[in-house]
Amino acid sequence: MAKIYYDRDADLNFIKDKIIAIIGYGIQGRGQALNLRDSGLNVIVSELEGTDNYKNATEDGLVPWAPKKRRKKATLYRFLLRIMCRQTFIKKQ
């Protein structure tokens, strides 16, 4: 039988002082970034300027970073780009 985990089962102290970079602010990236931020964690997002997802991130109160800046700031990374977008994203950076 599957074990169900609840909020009380997680200890956020392990990552509370870390900066978490969400790379890609699509369906998965947006949900995870907002969830982490609303849990009181430090989150930055990386998205291509001029895209709808970049606009969504700014409207959600996040400041999208260029990947080069993100590398210098973040401690933990979530790479959440769709496979078909990864090559374009990497080439533009």
PDB file of N, CA and C in Angstrom:
ATOM      1  N   MET A   1       0.842  -1.184   0.000  1.00  0.00           N
ATOM      2  CA  MET A   1       0.000   0.000   0.000  1.00  0.00           C
ATOM      3  C   MET A   1       0.889   1.251   0.000  1.00  0.00           C
ATOM      4  N   ALA A   2       0.469   2.257  -0.722  1.00  0.00           N
ATOM      5  CA  ALA A   2       1.226   3.507  -0.835  1.00  0.00           C
ATOM      6  C   ALA A   2       1.203   4.278   0.484  1.00  0.00           C
ATOM      7  N   LYS A   3       2.321   4.935   0.780  1.00  0.00           N
ATOM      8  CA  LYS A   3       2.393   5.792   1.972  1.00  0.00           C
ATOM      9  C   LYS A   3       2.023   7.209   1.551  1.00  0.00           C
ATOM     10  N   ILE A   4       1.160   7.833   2.289  1.00  0.00           N
ATOM     11  CA  ILE A   4       0.720   9.196   2.008  1.00  0.00           C
ATOM     12  C   ILE A   4       1.489  10.141   2.924  1.00  0.00           C
ATOM     13  N   TYR A   5       2.063  11.189   2.317  1.00  0.00           N
ATOM     14  CA  TYR A   5       2.810  12.186   3.075  1.00  0.00           C
ATOM     15  C   TYR A   5       1.985  13.465   3.182  1.00  0.00           C
ATOM     16  N   TYR A   6       2.111  14.127   4.317  1.00  0.00           N
ATOM     17  CA  TYR A   6       1.402  15.363   4.576  1.00  0.00           C
ATOM     18  C   TYR A   6       2.406  16.479   4.851  1.00  0.00           C
ATOM     19  N   ASP A   7       1.932  17.720   4.916  1.00  0.00           N
ATOM     20  CA  ASP A   7       2.814  18.854   5.187  1.00  0.00           C
ATOM     21  C   ASP A   7       3.630  18.659   6.456  1.00  0.00           C
ATOM     22  N   ARG A   8       3.022  18.099   7.465  1.00  0.00           N
ATOM     23  CA  ARG A   8       3.719  17.913   8.747  1.00  0.00           C
ATOM     24  C   ARG A   8       4.865  16.905   8.643  1.00  0.00           C
ATOM     25  N   ASP A   9       4.887  16.106   7.577  1.00  0.00           N
ATOM     26  CA  ASP A   9       5.945  15.109   7.385  1.00  0.00           C
ATOM     27  C   ASP A   9       7.213  15.715   6.781  1.00  0.00           C
ATOM     28  N   ALA A  10       7.116  16.921   6.272  1.00  0.00           N
ATOM     29  CA  ALA A  10       8.258  17.554   5.602  1.00  0.00           C
ATOM     30  C   ALA A  10       8.948  18.540   6.537  1.00  0.00           C
ATOM     31  N   ASP A  11      10.261  18.542   6.501  1.00  0.00           N
ATOM     32  CA  ASP A  11      11.049  19.494   7.289  1.00  0.00           C
ATOM     33  C   ASP A  11      11.703  20.475   6.321  1.00  0.00           C
ATOM     34  N   LEU A  12      11.138  21.657   6.199  1.00  0.00           N
ATOM     35  CA  LEU A  12      11.646  22.652   5.269  1.00  0.00           C
ATOM     36  C   LEU A  12      12.904  23.347   5.763  1.00  0.00           C
ATOM     37  N   ASN A  13      13.284  23.103   7.003  1.00  0.00           N
ATOM     38  CA  ASN A  13      14.498  23.722   7.536  1.00  0.00           C
ATOM     39  C   ASN A  13      15.733  23.362   6.726  1.00  0.00           C
ATOM     40  N   PHE A  14      15.715  22.195   6.107  1.00  0.00           N
ATOM     41  CA  PHE A  14      16.845  21.747   5.301  1.00  0.00           C
ATOM     42  C   PHE A  14      17.096  22.667   4.102  1.00  0.00           C
ATOM     43  N   ILE A  15      16.035  23.230   3.545  1.00  0.00           N
ATOM     44  CA  ILE A  15      16.187  24.059   2.339  1.00  0.00           C
ATOM     45  C   ILE A  15      15.741  25.508   2.533  1.00  0.00           C
ATOM     46  N   LYS A  16      15.396  25.906   3.737  1.00  0.00           N
ATOM     47  CA  LYS A  16      14.862  27.255   3.937  1.00  0.00           C
ATOM     48  C   LYS A  16      15.871  28.362   3.628  1.00  0.00           C
ATOM     49  N   ASP A  17      17.161  28.096   3.759  1.00  0.00           N
ATOM     50  CA  ASP A  17      18.186  29.103   3.483  1.00  0.00           C
ATOM     51  C   ASP A  17      18.783  28.969   2.089  1.00  0.00           C
ATOM     52  N   LYS A  18      18.255  28.066   1.297  1.00  0.00           N
ATOM     53  CA  LYS A  18      18.753  27.839  -0.062  1.00  0.00           C
ATOM     54  C   LYS A  18      17.942  28.674  -1.048  1.00  0.00           C
ATOM     55  N   ILE A  19      18.524  28.903  -2.215  1.00  0.00           N
ATOM     56  CA  ILE A  19      17.790  29.532  -3.315  1.00  0.00           C
ATOM     57  C   ILE A  19      17.486  28.437  -4.331  1.00  0.00           C
ATOM     58  N   ILE A  20      16.223  28.299  -4.657  1.00  0.00           N
ATOM     59  CA  ILE A  20      15.764  27.251  -5.566  1.00  0.00           C
ATOM     60  C   ILE A  20      15.453  27.876  -6.912  1.00  0.00           C
ATOM     61  N   ALA A  21      16.115  27.383  -7.961  1.00  0.00           N
ATOM     62  CA  ALA A  21      15.883  27.886  -9.318  1.00  0.00           C
ATOM     63  C   ALA A  21      14.933  26.938 -10.041  1.00  0.00           C
ATOM     64  N   ILE A  22      13.867  27.506 -10.564  1.00  0.00           N
ATOM     65  CA  ILE A  22      12.928  26.766 -11.401  1.00  0.00           C
ATOM     66  C   ILE A  22      13.225  27.181 -12.830  1.00  0.00           C
ATOM     67  N   ILE A  23      13.686  26.248 -13.630  1.00  0.00           N
ATOM     68  CA  ILE A  23      14.052  26.546 -15.015  1.00  0.00           C
ATOM     69  C   ILE A  23      12.894  26.111 -15.901  1.00  0.00           C
ATOM     70  N   GLY A  24      12.186  27.092 -16.413  1.00  0.00           N
ATOM     71  CA  GLY A  24      10.986  26.843 -17.202  1.00  0.00           C
ATOM     72  C   GLY A  24       9.759  27.136 -16.359  1.00  0.00           C
ATOM     73  N   TYR A  25       8.940  28.061 -16.799  1.00  0.00           N
ATOM     74  CA  TYR A  25       7.778  28.489 -16.030  1.00  0.00           C
ATOM     75  C   TYR A  25       6.483  28.113 -16.744  1.00  0.00           C
ATOM     76  N   GLY A  26       6.452  26.886 -17.242  1.00  0.00           N
ATOM     77  CA  GLY A  26       5.241  26.377 -17.885  1.00  0.00           C
ATOM     78  C   GLY A  26       4.311  25.769 -16.848  1.00  0.00           C
ATOM     79  N   ILE A  27       3.560  24.771 -17.236  1.00  0.00           N
ATOM     80  CA  ILE A  27       2.574  24.155 -16.346  1.00  0.00           C
ATOM     81  C   ILE A  27       3.234  23.618 -15.076  1.00  0.00           C
ATOM     82  N   GLN A  28       4.262  22.820 -15.215  1.00  0.00           N
ATOM     83  CA  GLN A  28       4.939  22.252 -14.044  1.00  0.00           C
ATOM     84  C   GLN A  28       5.741  23.306 -13.282  1.00  0.00           C
ATOM     85  N   GLY A  29       6.494  24.119 -14.006  1.00  0.00           N
ATOM     86  CA  GLY A  29       7.341  25.116 -13.367  1.00  0.00           C
ATOM     87  C   GLY A  29       6.554  26.134 -12.563  1.00  0.00           C
ATOM     88  N   ARG A  30       5.452  26.589 -13.133  1.00  0.00           N
ATOM     89  CA  ARG A  30       4.641  27.587 -12.439  1.00  0.00           C
ATOM     90  C   ARG A  30       4.076  27.023 -11.140  1.00  0.00           C
ATOM     91  N   GLY A  31       3.481  25.845 -11.234  1.00  0.00           N
ATOM     92  CA  GLY A  31       2.897  25.226 -10.046  1.00  0.00           C
ATOM     93  C   GLY A  31       3.922  24.978  -8.955  1.00  0.00           C
ATOM     94  N   GLN A  32       5.079  24.454  -9.336  1.00  0.00           N
ATOM     95  CA  GLN A  32       6.107  24.160  -8.346  1.00  0.00           C
ATOM     96  C   GLN A  32       6.707  25.432  -7.758  1.00  0.00           C
ATOM     97  N   ALA A  33       6.945  26.437  -8.604  1.00  0.00           N
ATOM     98  CA  ALA A  33       7.524  27.690  -8.112  1.00  0.00           C
ATOM     99  C   ALA A  33       6.588  28.376  -7.123  1.00  0.00           C
ATOM    100  N   LEU A  34       5.313  28.458  -7.451  1.00  0.00           N
ATOM    101  CA  LEU A  34       4.365  29.122  -6.562  1.00  0.00           C
ATOM    102  C   LEU A  34       4.174  28.345  -5.266  1.00  0.00           C
ATOM    103  N   ASN A  35       4.151  27.029  -5.365  1.00  0.00           N
ATOM    104  CA  ASN A  35       4.013  26.199  -4.176  1.00  0.00           C
ATOM    105  C   ASN A  35       5.199  26.402  -3.236  1.00  0.00           C
ATOM    106  N   LEU A  36       6.405  26.382  -3.787  1.00  0.00           N
ATOM    107  CA  LEU A  36       7.605  26.586  -2.973  1.00  0.00           C
ATOM    108  C   LEU A  36       7.629  27.989  -2.362  1.00  0.00           C
ATOM    109  N   ARG A  37       7.306  28.986  -3.184  1.00  0.00           N
ATOM    110  CA  ARG A  37       7.282  30.367  -2.682  1.00  0.00           C
ATOM    111  C   ARG A  37       6.253  30.527  -1.570  1.00  0.00           C
ATOM    112  N   ASP A  38       5.055  29.959  -1.775  1.00  0.00           N
ATOM    113  CA  ASP A  38       3.996  30.078  -0.774  1.00  0.00           C
ATOM    114  C   ASP A  38       4.321  29.302   0.502  1.00  0.00           C
ATOM    115  N   SER A  39       5.279  28.383   0.410  1.00  0.00           N
ATOM    116  CA  SER A  39       5.743  27.646   1.591  1.00  0.00           C
ATOM    117  C   SER A  39       6.832  28.419   2.321  1.00  0.00           C
ATOM    118  N   GLY A  40       7.158  29.610   1.818  1.00  0.00           N
ATOM    119  CA  GLY A  40       8.135  30.457   2.483  1.00  0.00           C
ATOM    120  C   GLY A  40       9.571  30.255   2.028  1.00  0.00           C
ATOM    121  N   LEU A  41       9.761  29.570   0.910  1.00  0.00           N
ATOM    122  CA  LEU A  41      11.115  29.309   0.421  1.00  0.00           C
ATOM    123  C   LEU A  41      11.534  30.363  -0.599  1.00  0.00           C
ATOM    124  N   ASN A  42      12.839  30.486  -0.803  1.00  0.00           N
ATOM    125  CA  ASN A  42      13.408  31.452  -1.759  1.00  0.00           C
ATOM    126  C   ASN A  42      13.425  30.822  -3.151  1.00  0.00           C
ATOM    127  N   VAL A  43      12.667  31.393  -4.058  1.00  0.00           N
ATOM    128  CA  VAL A  43      12.530  30.831  -5.400  1.00  0.00           C
ATOM    129  C   VAL A  43      12.873  31.881  -6.449  1.00  0.00           C
ATOM    130  N   ILE A  44      13.653  31.477  -7.432  1.00  0.00           N
ATOM    131  CA  ILE A  44      13.856  32.291  -8.628  1.00  0.00           C
ATOM    132  C   ILE A  44      13.470  31.432  -9.826  1.00  0.00           C
ATOM    133  N   VAL A  45      13.056  32.081 -10.899  1.00  0.00           N
ATOM    134  CA  VAL A  45      12.674  31.335 -12.100  1.00  0.00           C
ATOM    135  C   VAL A  45      13.510  31.800 -13.280  1.00  0.00           C
ATOM    136  N   SER A  46      13.693  30.899 -14.211  1.00  0.00           N
ATOM    137  CA  SER A  46      14.437  31.198 -15.420  1.00  0.00           C
ATOM    138  C   SER A  46      13.529  30.913 -16.606  1.00  0.00           C
ATOM    139  N   GLU A  47      13.283  31.940 -17.389  1.00  0.00           N
ATOM    140  CA  GLU A  47      12.397  31.815 -18.545  1.00  0.00           C
ATOM    141  C   GLU A  47      12.873  32.775 -19.618  1.00  0.00           C
ATOM    142  N   LEU A  48      12.619  32.448 -20.868  1.00  0.00           N
ATOM    143  CA  LEU A  48      13.048  33.301 -21.968  1.00  0.00           C
ATOM    144  C   LEU A  48      12.205  34.573 -22.023  1.00  0.00           C
ATOM    145  N   GLU A  49      12.882  35.704 -22.080  1.00  0.00           N
ATOM    146  CA  GLU A  49      12.193  36.993 -22.138  1.00  0.00           C
ATOM    147  C   GLU A  49      11.361  37.081 -23.414  1.00  0.00           C
ATOM    148  N   GLY A  50      10.175  37.640 -23.261  1.00  0.00           N
ATOM    149  CA  GLY A  50       9.285  37.810 -24.404  1.00  0.00           C
ATOM    150  C   GLY A  50       8.279  36.687 -24.577  1.00  0.00           C
ATOM    151  N   THR A  51       8.399  35.624 -23.799  1.00  0.00           N
ATOM    152  CA  THR A  51       7.451  34.515 -23.915  1.00  0.00           C
ATOM    153  C   THR A  51       6.251  34.750 -23.001  1.00  0.00           C
ATOM    154  N   ASP A  52       5.173  34.018 -23.267  1.00  0.00           N
ATOM    155  CA  ASP A  52       3.991  34.104 -22.409  1.00  0.00           C
ATOM    156  C   ASP A  52       4.322  33.682 -20.983  1.00  0.00           C
ATOM    157  N   ASN A  53       5.189  32.675 -20.843  1.00  0.00           N
ATOM    158  CA  ASN A  53       5.551  32.205 -19.509  1.00  0.00           C
ATOM    159  C   ASN A  53       6.359  33.256 -18.741  1.00  0.00           C
ATOM    160  N   TYR A  54       7.164  34.016 -19.441  1.00  0.00           N
ATOM    161  CA  TYR A  54       7.906  35.120 -18.810  1.00  0.00           C
ATOM    162  C   TYR A  54       6.912  36.142 -18.256  1.00  0.00           C
ATOM    163  N   LYS A  55       5.913  36.465 -19.055  1.00  0.00           N
ATOM    164  CA  LYS A  55       4.878  37.401 -18.632  1.00  0.00           C
ATOM    165  C   LYS A  55       4.116  36.849 -17.430  1.00  0.00           C
ATOM    166  N   ASN A  56       3.782  35.552 -17.458  1.00  0.00           N
ATOM    167  CA  ASN A  56       3.077  34.926 -16.334  1.00  0.00           C
ATOM    168  C   ASN A  56       3.895  35.012 -15.047  1.00  0.00           C
ATOM    169  N   ALA A  57       5.188  34.778 -15.165  1.00  0.00           N
ATOM    170  CA  ALA A  57       6.062  34.828 -13.981  1.00  0.00           C
ATOM    171  C   ALA A  57       6.059  36.227 -13.363  1.00  0.00           C
ATOM    172  N   THR A  58       6.155  37.240 -14.208  1.00  0.00           N
ATOM    173  CA  THR A  58       6.164  38.609 -13.676  1.00  0.00           C
ATOM    174  C   THR A  58       4.802  38.962 -13.076  1.00  0.00           C
ATOM    175  N   GLU A  59       3.729  38.514 -13.694  1.00  0.00           N
ATOM    176  CA  GLU A  59       2.391  38.772 -13.153  1.00  0.00           C
ATOM    177  C   GLU A  59       2.175  38.056 -11.820  1.00  0.00           C
ATOM    178  N   ASP A  60       2.864  36.933 -11.619  1.00  0.00           N
ATOM    179  CA  ASP A  60       2.767  36.182 -10.366  1.00  0.00           C
ATOM    180  C   ASP A  60       3.700  36.738  -9.290  1.00  0.00           C
ATOM    181  N   GLY A  61       4.394  37.827  -9.609  1.00  0.00           N
ATOM    182  CA  GLY A  61       5.245  38.467  -8.621  1.00  0.00           C
ATOM    183  C   GLY A  61       6.665  37.937  -8.566  1.00  0.00           C
ATOM    184  N   LEU A  62       7.051  37.141  -9.542  1.00  0.00           N
ATOM    185  CA  LEU A  62       8.416  36.621  -9.609  1.00  0.00           C
ATOM    186  C   LEU A  62       9.199  37.407 -10.657  1.00  0.00           C
ATOM    187  N   VAL A  63      10.489  37.484 -10.487  1.00  0.00           N
ATOM    188  CA  VAL A  63      11.340  38.173 -11.450  1.00  0.00           C
ATOM    189  C   VAL A  63      12.156  37.122 -12.195  1.00  0.00           C
ATOM    190  N   PRO A  64      11.831  36.857 -13.451  1.00  0.00           N
ATOM    191  CA  PRO A  64      12.599  35.858 -14.194  1.00  0.00           C
ATOM    192  C   PRO A  64      14.049  36.304 -14.396  1.00  0.00           C
ATOM    193  N   TRP A  65      14.969  35.387 -14.216  1.00  0.00           N
ATOM    194  CA  TRP A  65      16.395  35.648 -14.354  1.00  0.00           C
ATOM    195  C   TRP A  65      16.910  34.996 -15.625  1.00  0.00           C
ATOM    196  N   ALA A  66      17.924  35.613 -16.195  1.00  0.00           N
ATOM    197  CA  ALA A  66      18.642  34.981 -17.290  1.00  0.00           C
ATOM    198  C   ALA A  66      19.394  33.781 -16.715  1.00  0.00           C
ATOM    199  N   PRO A  67      19.484  32.686 -17.430  1.00  0.00           N
ATOM    200  CA  PRO A  67      20.152  31.496 -16.900  1.00  0.00           C
ATOM    201  C   PRO A  67      21.576  31.738 -16.403  1.00  0.00           C
ATOM    202  N   LYS A  68      22.320  32.621 -17.045  1.00  0.00           N
ATOM    203  CA  LYS A  68      23.690  32.872 -16.590  1.00  0.00           C
ATOM    204  C   LYS A  68      23.697  33.468 -15.191  1.00  0.00           C
ATOM    205  N   LYS A  69      22.761  34.358 -14.903  1.00  0.00           N
ATOM    206  CA  LYS A  69      22.660  34.943 -13.567  1.00  0.00           C
ATOM    207  C   LYS A  69      22.140  33.905 -12.572  1.00  0.00           C
ATOM    208  N   ARG A  70      21.204  33.082 -13.025  1.00  0.00           N
ATOM    209  CA  ARG A  70      20.627  32.055 -12.175  1.00  0.00           C
ATOM    210  C   ARG A  70      21.698  31.111 -11.665  1.00  0.00           C
ATOM    211  N   ARG A  71      22.644  30.747 -12.511  1.00  0.00           N
ATOM    212  CA  ARG A  71      23.695  29.811 -12.112  1.00  0.00           C
ATOM    213  C   ARG A  71      24.507  30.336 -10.941  1.00  0.00           C
ATOM    214  N   LYS A  72      24.674  31.620 -10.880  1.00  0.00           N
ATOM    215  CA  LYS A  72      25.480  32.210  -9.823  1.00  0.00           C
ATOM    216  C   LYS A  72      24.690  32.366  -8.531  1.00  0.00           C
ATOM    217  N   LYS A  73      23.382  32.355  -8.588  1.00  0.00           N
ATOM    218  CA  LYS A  73      22.564  32.645  -7.428  1.00  0.00           C
ATOM    219  C   LYS A  73      21.952  31.415  -6.755  1.00  0.00           C
ATOM    220  N   ALA A  74      21.621  30.404  -7.501  1.00  0.00           N
ATOM    221  CA  ALA A  74      20.849  29.286  -6.967  1.00  0.00           C
ATOM    222  C   ALA A  74      21.721  28.192  -6.355  1.00  0.00           C
ATOM    223  N   THR A  75      21.093  27.469  -5.438  1.00  0.00           N
ATOM    224  CA  THR A  75      21.717  26.326  -4.796  1.00  0.00           C
ATOM    225  C   THR A  75      21.094  25.026  -5.299  1.00  0.00           C
ATOM    226  N   LEU A  76      19.781  25.027  -5.483  1.00  0.00           N
ATOM    227  CA  LEU A  76      19.030  23.859  -5.941  1.00  0.00           C
ATOM    228  C   LEU A  76      18.341  24.201  -7.262  1.00  0.00           C
ATOM    229  N   TYR A  77      18.220  23.205  -8.132  1.00  0.00           N
ATOM    230  CA  TYR A  77      17.651  23.437  -9.461  1.00  0.00           C
ATOM    231  C   TYR A  77      16.551  22.436  -9.777  1.00  0.00           C
ATOM    232  N   ARG A  78      15.495  22.932 -10.461  1.00  0.00           N
ATOM    233  CA  ARG A  78      14.448  22.077 -11.023  1.00  0.00           C
ATOM    234  C   ARG A  78      14.398  22.432 -12.503  1.00  0.00           C
ATOM    235  N   PHE A  79      14.747  21.491 -13.353  1.00  0.00           N
ATOM    236  CA  PHE A  79      14.764  21.712 -14.798  1.00  0.00           C
ATOM    237  C   PHE A  79      13.441  21.221 -15.354  1.00  0.00           C
ATOM    238  N   LEU A  80      12.525  22.145 -15.658  1.00  0.00           N
ATOM    239  CA  LEU A  80      11.151  21.790 -16.002  1.00  0.00           C
ATOM    240  C   LEU A  80      10.719  22.267 -17.384  1.00  0.00           C
ATOM    241  N   LEU A  81      11.652  22.308 -18.305  1.00  0.00           N
ATOM    242  CA  LEU A  81      11.309  22.665 -19.681  1.00  0.00           C
ATOM    243  C   LEU A  81      10.790  21.446 -20.431  1.00  0.00           C
ATOM    244  N   ARG A  82       9.874  21.699 -21.351  1.00  0.00           N
ATOM    245  CA  ARG A  82       9.443  20.608 -22.233  1.00  0.00           C
ATOM    246  C   ARG A  82      10.629  20.195 -23.099  1.00  0.00           C
ATOM    247  N   ILE A  83      10.707  18.943 -23.426  1.00  0.00           N
ATOM    248  CA  ILE A  83      11.839  18.420 -24.196  1.00  0.00           C
ATOM    249  C   ILE A  83      12.015  19.190 -25.498  1.00  0.00           C
ATOM    250  N   MET A  84      10.916  19.512 -26.179  1.00  0.00           N
ATOM    251  CA  MET A  84      11.022  20.199 -27.466  1.00  0.00           C
ATOM    252  C   MET A  84      11.536  21.632 -27.338  1.00  0.00           C
ATOM    253  N   CYS A  85      11.504  22.193 -26.129  1.00  0.00           N
ATOM    254  CA  CYS A  85      11.955  23.575 -25.909  1.00  0.00           C
ATOM    255  C   CYS A  85      13.385  23.663 -25.385  1.00  0.00           C
ATOM    256  N   ARG A  86      13.930  22.569 -24.921  1.00  0.00           N
ATOM    257  CA  ARG A  86      15.233  22.611 -24.262  1.00  0.00           C
ATOM    258  C   ARG A  86      16.349  23.092 -25.175  1.00  0.00           C
ATOM    259  N   GLN A  87      16.373  22.606 -26.402  1.00  0.00           N
ATOM    260  CA  GLN A  87      17.452  22.979 -27.318  1.00  0.00           C
ATOM    261  C   GLN A  87      17.421  24.484 -27.612  1.00  0.00           C
ATOM    262  N   THR A  88      16.243  25.033 -27.858  1.00  0.00           N
ATOM    263  CA  THR A  88      16.097  26.466 -28.120  1.00  0.00           C
ATOM    264  C   THR A  88      16.548  27.269 -26.909  1.00  0.00           C
ATOM    265  N   PHE A  89      16.135  26.842 -25.743  1.00  0.00           N
ATOM    266  CA  PHE A  89      16.480  27.535 -24.505  1.00  0.00           C
ATOM    267  C   PHE A  89      18.000  27.573 -24.318  1.00  0.00           C
ATOM    268  N   ILE A  90      18.640  26.446 -24.507  1.00  0.00           N
ATOM    269  CA  ILE A  90      20.079  26.352 -24.327  1.00  0.00           C
ATOM    270  C   ILE A  90      20.821  27.188 -25.361  1.00  0.00           C
ATOM    271  N   LYS A  91      20.396  27.157 -26.601  1.00  0.00           N
ATOM    272  CA  LYS A  91      21.054  27.938 -27.664  1.00  0.00           C
ATOM    273  C   LYS A  91      20.955  29.435 -27.410  1.00  0.00           C
ATOM    274  N   LYS A  92      19.844  29.893 -26.858  1.00  0.00           N
ATOM    275  CA  LYS A  92      19.663  31.321 -26.625  1.00  0.00           C
ATOM    276  C   LYS A  92      20.432  31.806 -25.401  1.00  0.00           C
ATOM    277  N   GLN A  93      20.973  30.906 -24.624  1.00  0.00           N
ATOM    278  CA  GLN A  93      21.712  31.300 -23.447  1.00  0.00           C
ATOM    279  C   GLN A  93      23.177  31.120 -23.715  1.00  0.00           C
TER     280      GLN A  93
END
